[in-house]
């Protein structure tokens, strides 16, 4: 199951939608926690892959969720993303 872990960008009435880097981590942690709680019931999985970002891996560590970290495919990272996914597949096979 693929899922974007940070669709909840903060909204400031004065500035409008804030960029991900501007949004406090505390705003995304409750939905991330809820997602993993619900997904473990409805979509149980054995492995979680977190694209390299500042927020998601740190949130998963704080929630004591084990994961594989790979390069995010955006901004020229597609080759490293594919390599990282290949490595995860080999590790868990």
PDB file of N, CA and C in Angstrom:
ATOM      1  N   UNK A   1       0.848  -1.166   0.000  1.00  0.00           N
ATOM      2  CA  UNK A   1       0.000   0.000   0.000  1.00  0.00           C
ATOM      3  C   UNK A   1       0.899   1.236   0.000  1.00  0.00           C
ATOM      4  N   UNK A   2       0.681   2.134  -0.918  1.00  0.00           N
ATOM      5  CA  UNK A   2       1.456   3.359  -0.978  1.00  0.00           C
ATOM      6  C   UNK A   2       0.646   4.487  -0.362  1.00  0.00           C
ATOM      7  N   UNK A   3       1.328   5.369   0.323  1.00  0.00           N
ATOM      8  CA  UNK A   3       0.619   6.442   0.996  1.00  0.00           C
ATOM      9  C   UNK A   3       1.551   7.615   1.222  1.00  0.00           C
ATOM     10  N   UNK A   4       1.047   8.791   1.004  1.00  0.00           N
ATOM     11  CA  UNK A   4       1.810   9.999   1.256  1.00  0.00           C
ATOM     12  C   UNK A   4       1.642  10.353   2.729  1.00  0.00           C
ATOM     13  N   UNK A   5       2.717  10.329   3.465  1.00  0.00           N
ATOM     14  CA  UNK A   5       2.641  10.513   4.915  1.00  0.00           C
ATOM     15  C   UNK A   5       2.475  11.952   5.347  1.00  0.00           C
ATOM     16  N   UNK A   6       2.539  12.899   4.432  1.00  0.00           N
ATOM     17  CA  UNK A   6       2.441  14.290   4.870  1.00  0.00           C
ATOM     18  C   UNK A   6       1.525  15.107   3.978  1.00  0.00           C
ATOM     19  N   UNK A   7       0.240  14.712   3.852  1.00  0.00           N
ATOM     20  CA  UNK A   7      -0.668  15.552   3.083  1.00  0.00           C
ATOM     21  C   UNK A   7      -1.256  16.678   3.929  1.00  0.00           C
ATOM     22  N   UNK A   8      -0.973  16.697   5.207  1.00  0.00           N
ATOM     23  CA  UNK A   8      -1.575  17.669   6.099  1.00  0.00           C
ATOM     24  C   UNK A   8      -0.669  18.875   6.272  1.00  0.00           C
ATOM     25  N   UNK A   9      -0.612  19.705   5.278  1.00  0.00           N
ATOM     26  CA  UNK A   9       0.178  20.921   5.390  1.00  0.00           C
ATOM     27  C   UNK A   9      -0.568  21.903   6.285  1.00  0.00           C
ATOM     28  N   UNK A  10       0.176  22.597   7.073  1.00  0.00           N
ATOM     29  CA  UNK A  10      -0.427  23.581   7.985  1.00  0.00           C
ATOM     30  C   UNK A  10      -1.059  24.716   7.201  1.00  0.00           C
ATOM     31  N   UNK A  11      -2.048  25.340   7.792  1.00  0.00           N
ATOM     32  CA  UNK A  11      -2.683  26.484   7.156  1.00  0.00           C
ATOM     33  C   UNK A  11      -2.641  27.650   8.114  1.00  0.00           C
ATOM     34  N   UNK A  12      -2.097  28.749   7.656  1.00  0.00           N
ATOM     35  CA  UNK A  12      -2.033  29.980   8.425  1.00  0.00           C
ATOM     36  C   UNK A  12      -2.918  30.991   7.694  1.00  0.00           C
ATOM     37  N   UNK A  13      -3.984  31.501   8.322  1.00  0.00           N
ATOM     38  CA  UNK A  13      -4.896  32.419   7.631  1.00  0.00           C
ATOM     39  C   UNK A  13      -4.194  33.642   7.031  1.00  0.00           C
ATOM     40  N   UNK A  14      -3.090  34.079   7.641  1.00  0.00           N
ATOM     41  CA  UNK A  14      -2.369  35.247   7.127  1.00  0.00           C
ATOM     42  C   UNK A  14      -1.507  34.900   5.912  1.00  0.00           C
ATOM     43  N   UNK A  15      -0.944  33.713   5.901  1.00  0.00           N
ATOM     44  CA  UNK A  15      -0.005  33.326   4.842  1.00  0.00           C
ATOM     45  C   UNK A  15      -0.554  32.272   3.892  1.00  0.00           C
ATOM     46  N   UNK A  16      -1.662  31.655   4.237  1.00  0.00           N
ATOM     47  CA  UNK A  16      -2.201  30.581   3.407  1.00  0.00           C
ATOM     48  C   UNK A  16      -1.521  29.268   3.739  1.00  0.00           C
ATOM     49  N   UNK A  17      -1.478  28.390   2.780  1.00  0.00           N
ATOM     50  CA  UNK A  17      -0.884  27.071   2.966  1.00  0.00           C
ATOM     51  C   UNK A  17       0.618  27.203   3.164  1.00  0.00           C
ATOM     52  N   UNK A  18       1.130  26.575   4.200  1.00  0.00           N
ATOM     53  CA  UNK A  18       2.564  26.619   4.485  1.00  0.00           C
ATOM     54  C   UNK A  18       3.269  25.452   3.791  1.00  0.00           C
ATOM     55  N   UNK A  19       4.504  25.659   3.451  1.00  0.00           N
ATOM     56  CA  UNK A  19       5.293  24.557   2.882  1.00  0.00           C
ATOM     57  C   UNK A  19       5.542  23.531   3.966  1.00  0.00           C
ATOM     58  N   UNK A  20       5.866  22.308   3.537  1.00  0.00           N
ATOM     59  CA  UNK A  20       6.129  21.239   4.492  1.00  0.00           C
ATOM     60  C   UNK A  20       7.233  21.635   5.471  1.00  0.00           C
ATOM     61  N   UNK A  21       8.276  22.282   4.994  1.00  0.00           N
ATOM     62  CA  UNK A  21       9.391  22.630   5.867  1.00  0.00           C
ATOM     63  C   UNK A  21       8.994  23.677   6.907  1.00  0.00           C
ATOM     64  N   UNK A  22       7.917  24.425   6.655  1.00  0.00           N
ATOM     65  CA  UNK A  22       7.449  25.432   7.610  1.00  0.00           C
ATOM     66  C   UNK A  22       6.495  24.855   8.656  1.00  0.00           C
ATOM     67  N   UNK A  23       5.910  23.728   8.363  1.00  0.00           N
ATOM     68  CA  UNK A  23       4.875  23.173   9.232  1.00  0.00           C
ATOM     69  C   UNK A  23       5.502  22.485  10.446  1.00  0.00           C
ATOM     70  N   UNK A  24       4.989  22.753  11.627  1.00  0.00           N
ATOM     71  CA  UNK A  24       5.520  22.081  12.814  1.00  0.00           C
ATOM     72  C   UNK A  24       5.269  20.580  12.748  1.00  0.00           C
ATOM     73  N   UNK A  25       6.258  19.799  13.128  1.00  0.00           N
ATOM     74  CA  UNK A  25       6.125  18.341  13.128  1.00  0.00           C
ATOM     75  C   UNK A  25       4.952  17.887  13.975  1.00  0.00           C
ATOM     76  N   UNK A  26       4.660  18.618  15.039  1.00  0.00           N
ATOM     77  CA  UNK A  26       3.583  18.228  15.941  1.00  0.00           C
ATOM     78  C   UNK A  26       2.234  18.165  15.238  1.00  0.00           C
ATOM     79  N   UNK A  27       2.056  18.926  14.149  1.00  0.00           N
ATOM     80  CA  UNK A  27       0.778  18.914  13.436  1.00  0.00           C
ATOM     81  C   UNK A  27       0.576  17.638  12.628  1.00  0.00           C
ATOM     82  N   UNK A  28       1.651  17.034  12.161  1.00  0.00           N
ATOM     83  CA  UNK A  28       1.491  15.838  11.343  1.00  0.00           C
ATOM     84  C   UNK A  28       1.586  14.556  12.155  1.00  0.00           C
ATOM     85  N   UNK A  29       2.130  14.620  13.355  1.00  0.00           N
ATOM     86  CA  UNK A  29       2.316  13.398  14.138  1.00  0.00           C
ATOM     87  C   UNK A  29       1.005  12.690  14.475  1.00  0.00           C
ATOM     88  N   UNK A  30      -0.052  13.389  14.926  1.00  0.00           N
ATOM     89  CA  UNK A  30      -1.306  12.671  15.224  1.00  0.00           C
ATOM     90  C   UNK A  30      -1.883  11.915  14.022  1.00  0.00           C
ATOM     91  N   UNK A  31      -1.951  12.524  12.807  1.00  0.00           N
ATOM     92  CA  UNK A  31      -2.462  11.742  11.689  1.00  0.00           C
ATOM     93  C   UNK A  31      -1.551  10.585  11.294  1.00  0.00           C
ATOM     94  N   UNK A  32      -0.238  10.759  11.406  1.00  0.00           N
ATOM     95  CA  UNK A  32       0.682   9.664  11.092  1.00  0.00           C
ATOM     96  C   UNK A  32       0.453   8.511  12.067  1.00  0.00           C
ATOM     97  N   UNK A  33       0.327   8.824  13.337  1.00  0.00           N
ATOM     98  CA  UNK A  33       0.079   7.797  14.348  1.00  0.00           C
ATOM     99  C   UNK A  33      -1.249   7.089  14.093  1.00  0.00           C
ATOM    100  N   UNK A  34      -2.285   7.858  13.806  1.00  0.00           N
ATOM    101  CA  UNK A  34      -3.590   7.266  13.535  1.00  0.00           C
ATOM    102  C   UNK A  34      -3.546   6.382  12.292  1.00  0.00           C
ATOM    103  N   UNK A  35      -2.855   6.859  11.264  1.00  0.00           N
ATOM    104  CA  UNK A  35      -2.732   6.066  10.037  1.00  0.00           C
ATOM    105  C   UNK A  35      -2.115   4.706  10.335  1.00  0.00           C
ATOM    106  N   UNK A  36      -1.017   4.677  11.071  1.00  0.00           N
ATOM    107  CA  UNK A  36      -0.363   3.398  11.341  1.00  0.00           C
ATOM    108  C   UNK A  36      -1.199   2.513  12.254  1.00  0.00           C
ATOM    109  N   UNK A  37      -1.955   3.107  13.151  1.00  0.00           N
ATOM    110  CA  UNK A  37      -2.853   2.317  14.000  1.00  0.00           C
ATOM    111  C   UNK A  37      -3.936   1.665  13.152  1.00  0.00           C
ATOM    112  N   UNK A  38      -4.596   2.464  12.301  1.00  0.00           N
ATOM    113  CA  UNK A  38      -5.666   1.920  11.458  1.00  0.00           C
ATOM    114  C   UNK A  38      -5.129   0.973  10.394  1.00  0.00           C
ATOM    115  N   UNK A  39      -3.997   1.316   9.793  1.00  0.00           N
ATOM    116  CA  UNK A  39      -3.478   0.466   8.724  1.00  0.00           C
ATOM    117  C   UNK A  39      -3.043  -0.889   9.270  1.00  0.00           C
ATOM    118  N   UNK A  40      -2.596  -0.939  10.518  1.00  0.00           N
ATOM    119  CA  UNK A  40      -2.208  -2.236  11.080  1.00  0.00           C
ATOM    120  C   UNK A  40      -3.410  -3.153  11.234  1.00  0.00           C
ATOM    121  N   UNK A  41      -4.601  -2.579  11.348  1.00  0.00           N
ATOM    122  CA  UNK A  41      -5.826  -3.368  11.443  1.00  0.00           C
ATOM    123  C   UNK A  41      -6.319  -3.772  10.056  1.00  0.00           C
ATOM    124  N   UNK A  42      -6.402  -2.797   9.152  1.00  0.00           N
ATOM    125  CA  UNK A  42      -7.007  -3.040   7.841  1.00  0.00           C
ATOM    126  C   UNK A  42      -6.017  -3.455   6.767  1.00  0.00           C
ATOM    127  N   UNK A  43      -4.769  -3.039   6.874  1.00  0.00           N
ATOM    128  CA  UNK A  43      -3.748  -3.348   5.873  1.00  0.00           C
ATOM    129  C   UNK A  43      -2.465  -3.795   6.557  1.00  0.00           C
ATOM    130  N   UNK A  44      -2.497  -4.911   7.279  1.00  0.00           N
ATOM    131  CA  UNK A  44      -1.283  -5.317   7.991  1.00  0.00           C
ATOM    132  C   UNK A  44      -0.135  -5.560   7.002  1.00  0.00           C
ATOM    133  N   UNK A  45       1.031  -5.106   7.390  1.00  0.00           N
ATOM    134  CA  UNK A  45       2.202  -5.310   6.530  1.00  0.00           C
ATOM    135  C   UNK A  45       3.391  -5.651   7.411  1.00  0.00           C
ATOM    136  N   UNK A  46       4.391  -6.221   6.780  1.00  0.00           N
ATOM    137  CA  UNK A  46       5.585  -6.613   7.518  1.00  0.00           C
ATOM    138  C   UNK A  46       6.701  -5.597   7.404  1.00  0.00           C
ATOM    139  N   UNK A  47       6.674  -4.776   6.353  1.00  0.00           N
ATOM    140  CA  UNK A  47       7.754  -3.835   6.117  1.00  0.00           C
ATOM    141  C   UNK A  47       7.195  -2.446   5.795  1.00  0.00           C
ATOM    142  N   UNK A  48       7.879  -1.426   6.279  1.00  0.00           N
ATOM    143  CA  UNK A  48       7.532  -0.042   5.976  1.00  0.00           C
ATOM    144  C   UNK A  48       8.753   0.598   5.338  1.00  0.00           C
ATOM    145  N   UNK A  49       8.539   1.293   4.229  1.00  0.00           N
ATOM    146  CA  UNK A  49       9.612   1.997   3.538  1.00  0.00           C
ATOM    147  C   UNK A  49       9.314   3.485   3.618  1.00  0.00           C
ATOM    148  N   UNK A  50      10.261   4.244   4.142  1.00  0.00           N
ATOM    149  CA  UNK A  50      10.098   5.692   4.302  1.00  0.00           C
ATOM    150  C   UNK A  50      11.056   6.415   3.373  1.00  0.00           C
ATOM    151  N   UNK A  51      10.539   7.158   2.397  1.00  0.00           N
ATOM    152  CA  UNK A  51      11.430   7.965   1.554  1.00  0.00           C
ATOM    153  C   UNK A  51      12.185   8.982   2.403  1.00  0.00           C
ATOM    154  N   UNK A  52      13.410   9.217   2.035  1.00  0.00           N
ATOM    155  CA  UNK A  52      14.282  10.137   2.769  1.00  0.00           C
ATOM    156  C   UNK A  52      13.686  11.529   2.767  1.00  0.00           C
ATOM    157  N   UNK A  53      13.347  11.966   3.919  1.00  0.00           N
ATOM    158  CA  UNK A  53      12.849  13.312   4.170  1.00  0.00           C
ATOM    159  C   UNK A  53      13.275  13.648   5.583  1.00  0.00           C
ATOM    160  N   UNK A  54      13.107  14.877   5.975  1.00  0.00           N
ATOM    161  CA  UNK A  54      13.431  15.218   7.364  1.00  0.00           C
ATOM    162  C   UNK A  54      12.348  14.735   8.309  1.00  0.00           C
ATOM    163  N   UNK A  55      11.106  14.831   7.899  1.00  0.00           N
ATOM    164  CA  UNK A  55      10.005  14.627   8.836  1.00  0.00           C
ATOM    165  C   UNK A  55       9.622  13.173   9.083  1.00  0.00           C
ATOM    166  N   UNK A  56       9.322  12.442   8.031  1.00  0.00           N
ATOM    167  CA  UNK A  56       8.770  11.100   8.233  1.00  0.00           C
ATOM    168  C   UNK A  56       9.694  10.178   9.018  1.00  0.00           C
ATOM    169  N   UNK A  57      10.968  10.023   8.638  1.00  0.00           N
ATOM    170  CA  UNK A  57      11.811   9.123   9.446  1.00  0.00           C
ATOM    171  C   UNK A  57      11.901   9.525  10.916  1.00  0.00           C
ATOM    172  N   UNK A  58      11.979  10.818  11.201  1.00  0.00           N
ATOM    173  CA  UNK A  58      12.061  11.223  12.605  1.00  0.00           C
ATOM    174  C   UNK A  58      10.757  10.926  13.337  1.00  0.00           C
ATOM    175  N   UNK A  59       9.626  11.092  12.648  1.00  0.00           N
ATOM    176  CA  UNK A  59       8.340  10.785  13.278  1.00  0.00           C
ATOM    177  C   UNK A  59       8.209   9.291  13.538  1.00  0.00           C
ATOM    178  N   UNK A  60       8.632   8.475  12.576  1.00  0.00           N
ATOM    179  CA  UNK A  60       8.546   7.025  12.765  1.00  0.00           C
ATOM    180  C   UNK A  60       9.431   6.584  13.923  1.00  0.00           C
ATOM    181  N   UNK A  61      10.620   7.169  14.052  1.00  0.00           N
ATOM    182  CA  UNK A  61      11.500   6.836  15.182  1.00  0.00           C
ATOM    183  C   UNK A  61      10.836   7.217  16.498  1.00  0.00           C
ATOM    184  N   UNK A  62      10.235   8.400  16.555  1.00  0.00           N
ATOM    185  CA  UNK A  62       9.567   8.847  17.785  1.00  0.00           C
ATOM    186  C   UNK A  62       8.400   7.940  18.148  1.00  0.00           C
ATOM    187  N   UNK A  63       7.757   7.351  17.148  1.00  0.00           N
ATOM    188  CA  UNK A  63       6.624   6.450  17.379  1.00  0.00           C
ATOM    189  C   UNK A  63       7.068   4.994  17.542  1.00  0.00           C
ATOM    190  N   UNK A  64       8.387   4.764  17.551  1.00  0.00           N
ATOM    191  CA  UNK A  64       8.956   3.411  17.679  1.00  0.00           C
ATOM    192  C   UNK A  64       8.477   2.467  16.589  1.00  0.00           C
ATOM    193  N   UNK A  65       8.393   2.981  15.366  1.00  0.00           N
ATOM    194  CA  UNK A  65       7.993   2.183  14.217  1.00  0.00           C
ATOM    195  C   UNK A  65       9.249   1.872  13.401  1.00  0.00           C
ATOM    196  N   UNK A  66       9.499   0.601  13.161  1.00  0.00           N
ATOM    197  CA  UNK A  66      10.665   0.196  12.374  1.00  0.00           C
ATOM    198  C   UNK A  66      10.381   0.418  10.897  1.00  0.00           C
ATOM    199  N   UNK A  67      11.410   0.855  10.158  1.00  0.00           N
ATOM    200  CA  UNK A  67      11.222   1.160   8.743  1.00  0.00           C
ATOM    201  C   UNK A  67      12.542   1.076   8.000  1.00  0.00           C
ATOM    202  N   UNK A  68      12.435   0.980   6.685  1.00  0.00           N
ATOM    203  CA  UNK A  68      13.581   1.060   5.787  1.00  0.00           C
ATOM    204  C   UNK A  68      13.575   2.468   5.206  1.00  0.00           C
ATOM    205  N   UNK A  69      14.728   3.075   5.148  1.00  0.00           N
ATOM    206  CA  UNK A  69      14.827   4.439   4.628  1.00  0.00           C
ATOM    207  C   UNK A  69      15.445   4.397   3.237  1.00  0.00           C
ATOM    208  N   UNK A  70      14.783   5.048   2.281  1.00  0.00           N
ATOM    209  CA  UNK A  70      15.294   5.136   0.909  1.00  0.00           C
ATOM    210  C   UNK A  70      15.268   6.591   0.464  1.00  0.00           C
ATOM    211  N   UNK A  71      16.015   6.895  -0.574  1.00  0.00           N
ATOM    212  CA  UNK A  71      16.056   8.256  -1.140  1.00  0.00           C
ATOM    213  C   UNK A  71      14.701   8.575  -1.743  1.00  0.00           C
ATOM    214  N   UNK A  72      14.196   9.771  -1.534  1.00  0.00           N
ATOM    215  CA  UNK A  72      12.940  10.201  -2.146  1.00  0.00           C
ATOM    216  C   UNK A  72      13.174  10.356  -3.646  1.00  0.00           C
ATOM    217  N   UNK A  73      12.226   9.943  -4.501  1.00  0.00           N
ATOM    218  CA  UNK A  73      12.454   9.997  -5.941  1.00  0.00           C
ATOM    219  C   UNK A  73      12.403  11.398  -6.559  1.00  0.00           C
ATOM    220  N   UNK A  74      11.887  12.382  -5.842  1.00  0.00           N
ATOM    221  CA  UNK A  74      11.780  13.740  -6.404  1.00  0.00           C
ATOM    222  C   UNK A  74      13.152  14.399  -6.516  1.00  0.00           C
ATOM    223  N   UNK A  75      13.204  15.450  -7.311  1.00  0.00           N
ATOM    224  CA  UNK A  75      14.410  16.283  -7.453  1.00  0.00           C
ATOM    225  C   UNK A  75      15.648  15.493  -7.844  1.00  0.00           C
ATOM    226  N   UNK A  76      15.493  14.609  -8.800  1.00  0.00           N
ATOM    227  CA  UNK A  76      16.643  13.866  -9.312  1.00  0.00           C
ATOM    228  C   UNK A  76      17.004  12.623  -8.532  1.00  0.00           C
ATOM    229  N   UNK A  77      16.162  12.185  -7.627  1.00  0.00           N
ATOM    230  CA  UNK A  77      16.492  11.022  -6.810  1.00  0.00           C
ATOM    231  C   UNK A  77      15.910   9.710  -7.287  1.00  0.00           C
ATOM    232  N   UNK A  78      15.354   9.664  -8.499  1.00  0.00           N
ATOM    233  CA  UNK A  78      14.674   8.451  -8.971  1.00  0.00           C
ATOM    234  C   UNK A  78      15.603   7.239  -9.023  1.00  0.00           C
ATOM    235  N   UNK A  79      16.828   7.440  -9.522  1.00  0.00           N
ATOM    236  CA  UNK A  79      17.760   6.310  -9.639  1.00  0.00           C
ATOM    237  C   UNK A  79      18.091   5.751  -8.260  1.00  0.00           C
ATOM    238  N   UNK A  80      18.374   6.632  -7.304  1.00  0.00           N
ATOM    239  CA  UNK A  80      18.692   6.175  -5.947  1.00  0.00           C
ATOM    240  C   UNK A  80      17.473   5.580  -5.246  1.00  0.00           C
ATOM    241  N   UNK A  81      16.286   6.093  -5.572  1.00  0.00           N
ATOM    242  CA  UNK A  81      15.059   5.513  -5.023  1.00  0.00           C
ATOM    243  C   UNK A  81      14.900   4.066  -5.503  1.00  0.00           C
ATOM    244  N   UNK A  82      15.054   3.858  -6.813  1.00  0.00           N
ATOM    245  CA  UNK A  82      14.942   2.495  -7.355  1.00  0.00           C
ATOM    246  C   UNK A  82      15.993   1.568  -6.744  1.00  0.00           C
ATOM    247  N   UNK A  83      17.203   2.071  -6.598  1.00  0.00           N
ATOM    248  CA  UNK A  83      18.271   1.263  -5.987  1.00  0.00           C
ATOM    249  C   UNK A  83      17.916   0.918  -4.542  1.00  0.00           C
ATOM    250  N   UNK A  84      17.408   1.904  -3.797  1.00  0.00           N
ATOM    251  CA  UNK A  84      17.020   1.675  -2.409  1.00  0.00           C
ATOM    252  C   UNK A  84      15.895   0.666  -2.272  1.00  0.00           C
ATOM    253  N   UNK A  85      14.899   0.775  -3.138  1.00  0.00           N
ATOM    254  CA  UNK A  85      13.790  -0.194  -3.110  1.00  0.00           C
ATOM    255  C   UNK A  85      14.314  -1.589  -3.436  1.00  0.00           C
ATOM    256  N   UNK A  86      15.218  -1.674  -4.412  1.00  0.00           N
ATOM    257  CA  UNK A  86      15.833  -2.965  -4.760  1.00  0.00           C
ATOM    258  C   UNK A  86      16.558  -3.565  -3.575  1.00  0.00           C
ATOM    259  N   UNK A  87      17.268  -2.746  -2.837  1.00  0.00           N
ATOM    260  CA  UNK A  87      17.987  -3.213  -1.647  1.00  0.00           C
ATOM    261  C   UNK A  87      17.022  -3.723  -0.590  1.00  0.00           C
ATOM    262  N   UNK A  88      15.926  -2.983  -0.373  1.00  0.00           N
ATOM    263  CA  UNK A  88      14.923  -3.420   0.620  1.00  0.00           C
ATOM    264  C   UNK A  88      14.330  -4.768   0.201  1.00  0.00           C
ATOM    265  N   UNK A  89      13.989  -4.912  -1.067  1.00  0.00           N
ATOM    266  CA  UNK A  89      13.416  -6.179  -1.551  1.00  0.00           C
ATOM    267  C   UNK A  89      14.383  -7.332  -1.300  1.00  0.00           C
ATOM    268  N   UNK A  90      15.669  -7.128  -1.579  1.00  0.00           N
ATOM    269  CA  UNK A  90      16.663  -8.180  -1.336  1.00  0.00           C
ATOM    270  C   UNK A  90      16.787  -8.500   0.147  1.00  0.00           C
ATOM    271  N   UNK A  91      16.754  -7.476   0.998  1.00  0.00           N
ATOM    272  CA  UNK A  91      16.881  -7.682   2.433  1.00  0.00           C
ATOM    273  C   UNK A  91      15.725  -8.484   3.014  1.00  0.00           C
ATOM    274  N   UNK A  92      14.529  -8.252   2.519  1.00  0.00           N
ATOM    275  CA  UNK A  92      13.355  -8.897   3.130  1.00  0.00           C
ATOM    276  C   UNK A  92      12.965 -10.193   2.432  1.00  0.00           C
ATOM    277  N   UNK A  93      13.585 -10.484   1.315  1.00  0.00           N
ATOM    278  CA  UNK A  93      13.249 -11.737   0.583  1.00  0.00           C
ATOM    279  C   UNK A  93      13.901 -12.932   1.214  1.00  0.00           C
TER     280      UNK A  93
END
